[in-house]
């Protein structure tokens, strides 16, 4: 991915350097400042279009998440090369477990997700090519939570959802 990003961005950076160092191009850009602004915005757009997803991929690869669930408490440590964040909350504050199917070019995988009303606090518990009903039921029994629809993961509203967990009610 890095090589592909460099292959796309490098010619544009070379063009920008040439535009700044070549006297004819520099004079033309000075004479027509709107063209210079348009070219600068186009360069920033293309660099951002490549760098932002690459940044997210690299952060995902070098970040770790440790999850500890015991005694009715969920403790999570999120580590990046630049920081470590610890947060914890009662297991009863989670709505339940959802089975989420994720597809990519390499295939389809399923994830068992511990769903929280704040979607940023939802936790992936298990990833497999296929998660059977017995495994999912066993996971729900161990956590004393119910199975919830995967659609609960996609509630993008700003307001918190009402908890569907009977234990939390």
Protein backbone atom coordinates (compact mmCIF):
# COMPACT_ATOMS: atom_id res chain seq x y z
CA UNK A 1 0.00 0.00 0.00
CA UNK A 2 2.86 2.38 0.81
CA UNK A 3 4.50 1.72 -2.54
CA UNK A 4 1.21 2.38 -4.34
CA UNK A 5 0.71 5.61 -2.39
CA UNK A 6 4.24 6.73 -3.23
CA UNK A 7 3.71 5.89 -6.91
CA UNK A 8 0.64 8.13 -6.96
CA UNK A 9 1.87 11.01 -4.80
CA UNK A 10 5.53 11.19 -5.88
CA UNK A 11 4.89 12.44 -9.46
CA UNK A 12 2.64 15.15 -8.11
CA UNK A 13 5.28 16.27 -5.62
CA UNK A 14 7.88 16.28 -8.41
CA UNK A 15 5.54 18.47 -10.48
CA UNK A 16 5.07 20.84 -7.52
CA UNK A 17 8.83 21.12 -7.01
CA UNK A 18 9.33 21.72 -10.73
CA UNK A 19 6.62 24.39 -10.71
CA UNK A 20 8.33 26.23 -7.86
CA UNK A 21 11.89 25.94 -9.20
CA UNK A 22 11.38 26.51 -12.96
CA UNK A 23 11.45 30.27 -13.65
CA UNK A 24 8.97 30.10 -16.58
CA UNK A 25 6.37 28.15 -14.60
CA UNK A 26 6.92 30.25 -11.48
CA UNK A 27 6.44 33.48 -13.49
CA UNK A 28 3.28 32.09 -15.09
CA UNK A 29 1.90 31.17 -11.66
CA UNK A 30 2.77 34.62 -10.30
CA UNK A 31 1.03 36.25 -13.26
CA UNK A 32 -2.07 34.04 -12.73
CA UNK A 33 -2.47 33.52 -8.96
CA UNK A 34 -5.82 31.75 -9.27
CA UNK A 35 -4.19 28.98 -11.28
CA UNK A 36 -1.55 28.66 -8.57
CA UNK A 37 -4.28 28.35 -5.91
CA UNK A 38 -6.15 25.75 -7.98
CA UNK A 39 -2.99 23.69 -8.50
CA UNK A 40 -2.10 23.91 -4.81
CA UNK A 41 -5.60 22.78 -3.79
CA UNK A 42 -5.48 19.91 -6.28
CA UNK A 43 -2.11 18.79 -4.90
CA UNK A 44 -3.37 18.94 -1.31
CA UNK A 45 -6.51 17.01 -2.30
CA UNK A 46 -4.58 14.19 -4.01
CA UNK A 47 -2.05 13.89 -1.21
CA UNK A 48 -4.83 13.79 1.41
CA UNK A 49 -6.79 11.26 -0.65
CA UNK A 50 -3.87 8.86 -0.42
CA UNK A 51 -2.32 9.74 2.94
CA UNK A 52 -5.49 9.69 5.11
CA UNK A 53 -6.52 6.08 4.37
CA UNK A 54 -2.89 5.00 4.56
CA UNK A 55 -2.60 6.64 7.99
CA UNK A 56 -5.71 4.79 9.22
CA UNK A 57 -4.41 1.46 7.90
CA UNK A 58 -1.00 1.93 9.52
CA UNK A 59 -2.52 2.99 12.85
CA UNK A 60 -4.75 -0.09 12.74
CA UNK A 61 -1.74 -2.32 12.14
CA UNK A 62 0.41 -0.88 14.93
CA UNK A 63 -2.37 -0.42 17.54
CA UNK A 64 -3.37 -2.99 20.15
CA UNK A 65 -6.48 -3.48 22.25
CA UNK A 66 -6.54 -5.57 25.40
CA UNK A 67 -9.95 -6.53 26.78
CA UNK A 68 -10.48 -8.05 30.22
CA UNK A 69 -14.00 -9.17 31.17
CA UNK A 70 -14.45 -10.51 34.68
CA UNK A 71 -16.51 -9.98 37.81
CA UNK A 72 -19.15 -8.02 35.88
CA UNK A 73 -16.60 -5.43 34.75
CA UNK A 74 -15.17 -4.71 31.29
CA UNK A 75 -11.68 -3.19 31.21
CA UNK A 76 -10.16 -2.07 27.91
CA UNK A 77 -6.64 -0.81 27.18
CA UNK A 78 -6.15 0.80 23.76
CA UNK A 79 -2.48 1.23 22.86
CA UNK A 80 -0.95 3.15 19.98
CA UNK A 81 2.72 4.04 19.57
CA UNK A 82 1.88 7.48 20.98
CA UNK A 83 -0.53 6.74 23.83
CA UNK A 84 -2.30 4.21 26.00
CA UNK A 85 -5.91 4.69 27.07
CA UNK A 86 -7.65 2.69 29.79
CA UNK A 87 -11.40 2.68 30.20
CA UNK A 88 -13.74 0.45 32.15
CA UNK A 89 -17.45 0.06 32.69
CA UNK A 90 -19.89 -2.46 34.09
CA UNK A 91 -20.81 -5.38 31.84
CA UNK A 92 -24.47 -4.59 32.55
CA UNK A 93 -24.13 -1.31 30.59
CA UNK A 94 -23.74 -3.29 27.34
CA UNK A 95 -26.84 -4.17 25.31
CA UNK A 96 -25.81 -7.65 24.27
CA UNK A 97 -23.83 -9.61 21.70
CA UNK A 98 -24.34 -9.13 17.95
CA UNK A 99 -23.18 -11.32 15.09
CA UNK A 100 -21.71 -9.08 12.41
CA UNK A 101 -20.66 -10.29 8.94
CA UNK A 102 -17.84 -8.37 7.28
CA UNK A 103 -16.82 -8.91 3.67
CA UNK A 104 -13.68 -7.88 1.82
CA UNK A 105 -11.74 -8.93 -1.24
CA UNK A 106 -10.22 -11.79 0.75
CA UNK A 107 -13.60 -13.24 1.75
CA UNK A 108 -16.30 -13.07 4.38
CA UNK A 109 -15.69 -13.27 8.10
CA UNK A 110 -17.98 -13.05 11.07
CA UNK A 111 -17.44 -11.10 14.26
CA UNK A 112 -19.10 -11.48 17.64
CA UNK A 113 -19.40 -7.92 18.96
CA UNK A 114 -20.22 -6.78 22.49
CA UNK A 115 -22.64 -3.93 21.71
CA UNK A 116 -22.69 -0.77 23.80
CA UNK A 117 -25.18 2.12 23.45
CA UNK A 118 -22.20 4.33 22.54
CA UNK A 119 -21.07 2.63 19.33
CA UNK A 120 -17.45 3.71 19.93
CA UNK A 121 -17.43 1.51 23.06
CA UNK A 122 -18.54 -1.67 21.25
CA UNK A 123 -15.93 -4.43 21.43
CA UNK A 124 -15.11 -7.22 18.97
CA UNK A 125 -14.95 -10.40 21.05
CA UNK A 126 -14.40 -13.08 18.44
CA UNK A 127 -13.50 -13.24 14.74
CA UNK A 128 -13.83 -16.38 12.62
CA UNK A 129 -14.67 -17.49 9.12
CA UNK A 130 -17.94 -18.74 10.54
CA UNK A 131 -19.31 -18.41 14.07
CA UNK A 132 -21.90 -21.09 14.80
CA UNK A 133 -25.12 -20.63 16.74
CA UNK A 134 -23.83 -22.83 19.58
CA UNK A 135 -20.69 -20.72 19.98
CA UNK A 136 -22.74 -17.54 19.98
CA UNK A 137 -25.22 -18.93 22.53
CA UNK A 138 -22.34 -20.08 24.72
CA UNK A 139 -20.78 -16.61 24.56
CA UNK A 140 -24.10 -14.98 25.46
CA UNK A 141 -24.56 -17.35 28.41
CA UNK A 142 -21.01 -16.71 29.70
CA UNK A 143 -21.61 -12.95 29.62
CA UNK A 144 -25.24 -13.19 30.80
CA UNK A 145 -26.29 -11.05 27.85
CA UNK A 146 -28.80 -11.57 25.07
CA UNK A 147 -28.27 -11.75 21.34
CA UNK A 148 -29.07 -8.41 19.67
CA UNK A 149 -29.47 -7.63 15.96
CA UNK A 150 -26.34 -6.51 14.11
CA UNK A 151 -28.21 -3.35 13.09
CA UNK A 152 -27.56 -2.00 16.61
CA UNK A 153 -23.94 -1.45 15.51
CA UNK A 154 -25.05 1.02 12.83
CA UNK A 155 -27.04 3.50 14.91
CA UNK A 156 -25.19 6.72 14.02
CA UNK A 157 -27.40 9.14 15.95
CA UNK A 158 -25.76 11.46 18.48
CA UNK A 159 -28.19 10.69 21.27
CA UNK A 160 -27.55 7.58 23.38
CA UNK A 161 -29.79 4.59 22.72
CA UNK A 162 -32.06 3.09 25.33
CA UNK A 163 -30.52 -0.07 26.70
CA UNK A 164 -32.16 -3.33 25.61
CA UNK A 165 -30.26 -5.37 28.20
CA UNK A 166 -32.62 -6.90 30.76
CA UNK A 167 -29.78 -7.12 33.29
CA UNK A 168 -29.11 -3.39 33.07
CA UNK A 169 -32.80 -2.43 33.37
